[in-house]
Amino acid sequence: MRIEPAVSLVSDLIATWWTPLFVALFLVVIAYACWPRNQAKFDEASKMPLRED
């Protein structure tokens, strides 16, 4: 039984489908983080470590 064709098939599937999917997901996360409507939430979250309880 040869393993190389199976590894090549998996590698081709990953390169074909998963890489663009994760790039798109990354861009969605960046757009969400930079969206002006979310600025107040992220500003408040950035001050959490400095807050005294």
Protein backbone atom coordinates (compact mmCIF):
# COMPACT_ATOMS: atom_id res chain seq x y z
CA MET A 1 0.00 0.00 0.00
CA ARG A 2 1.41 3.35 -1.04
CA ILE A 3 0.86 6.38 1.17
CA GLU A 4 2.20 9.06 -1.18
CA PRO A 5 -0.95 9.38 -3.36
CA ALA A 6 -3.15 9.76 -0.27
CA VAL A 7 -0.84 12.43 1.16
CA SER A 8 -0.83 14.22 -2.18
CA LEU A 9 -4.64 14.10 -2.34
CA VAL A 10 -4.99 15.50 1.18
CA SER A 11 -2.43 18.18 0.45
CA ASP A 12 -4.25 19.16 -2.74
CA LEU A 13 -7.60 19.35 -0.93
CA ILE A 14 -6.11 21.49 1.83
CA ALA A 15 -4.50 23.86 -0.65
CA THR A 16 -7.60 24.01 -2.80
CA TRP A 17 -10.32 24.50 -0.19
CA TRP A 18 -9.01 25.21 3.30
CA THR A 19 -6.44 27.88 2.56
CA PRO A 20 -8.88 30.24 0.81
CA LEU A 21 -11.51 29.47 3.45
CA PHE A 22 -9.20 30.44 6.30
CA VAL A 23 -7.99 33.54 4.44
CA ALA A 24 -11.63 34.60 4.03
CA LEU A 25 -12.33 33.87 7.70
CA PHE A 26 -9.28 35.93 8.70
CA LEU A 27 -10.49 38.85 6.58
CA VAL A 28 -13.96 38.66 8.15
CA VAL A 29 -12.44 38.77 11.65
CA ILE A 30 -10.27 41.76 10.71
CA ALA A 31 -13.28 43.56 9.19
CA TYR A 32 -15.31 42.87 12.36
CA ALA A 33 -12.53 44.21 14.57
CA CYS A 34 -12.12 47.36 12.47
CA TRP A 35 -15.84 48.08 11.98
CA PRO A 36 -16.67 51.50 13.51
CA ARG A 37 -19.78 50.21 15.29
CA ASN A 38 -17.62 47.84 17.37
CA GLN A 39 -15.12 50.47 18.47
CA ALA A 40 -16.79 51.19 21.82
CA LYS A 41 -16.77 47.50 22.78
CA PHE A 42 -13.10 47.10 21.92
CA ASP A 43 -12.13 50.36 23.66
CA GLU A 44 -13.87 49.15 26.83
CA ALA A 45 -12.22 45.73 26.57
CA SER A 46 -8.79 47.34 26.14
CA LYS A 47 -9.16 49.12 29.48
CA MET A 48 -10.10 45.97 31.43
CA PRO A 49 -6.52 45.12 32.56
CA LEU A 50 -6.12 48.61 34.03
CA ARG A 51 -9.37 48.55 36.02
CA GLU A 52 -9.19 48.03 39.74
CA ASP A 53 -11.90 45.81 41.14
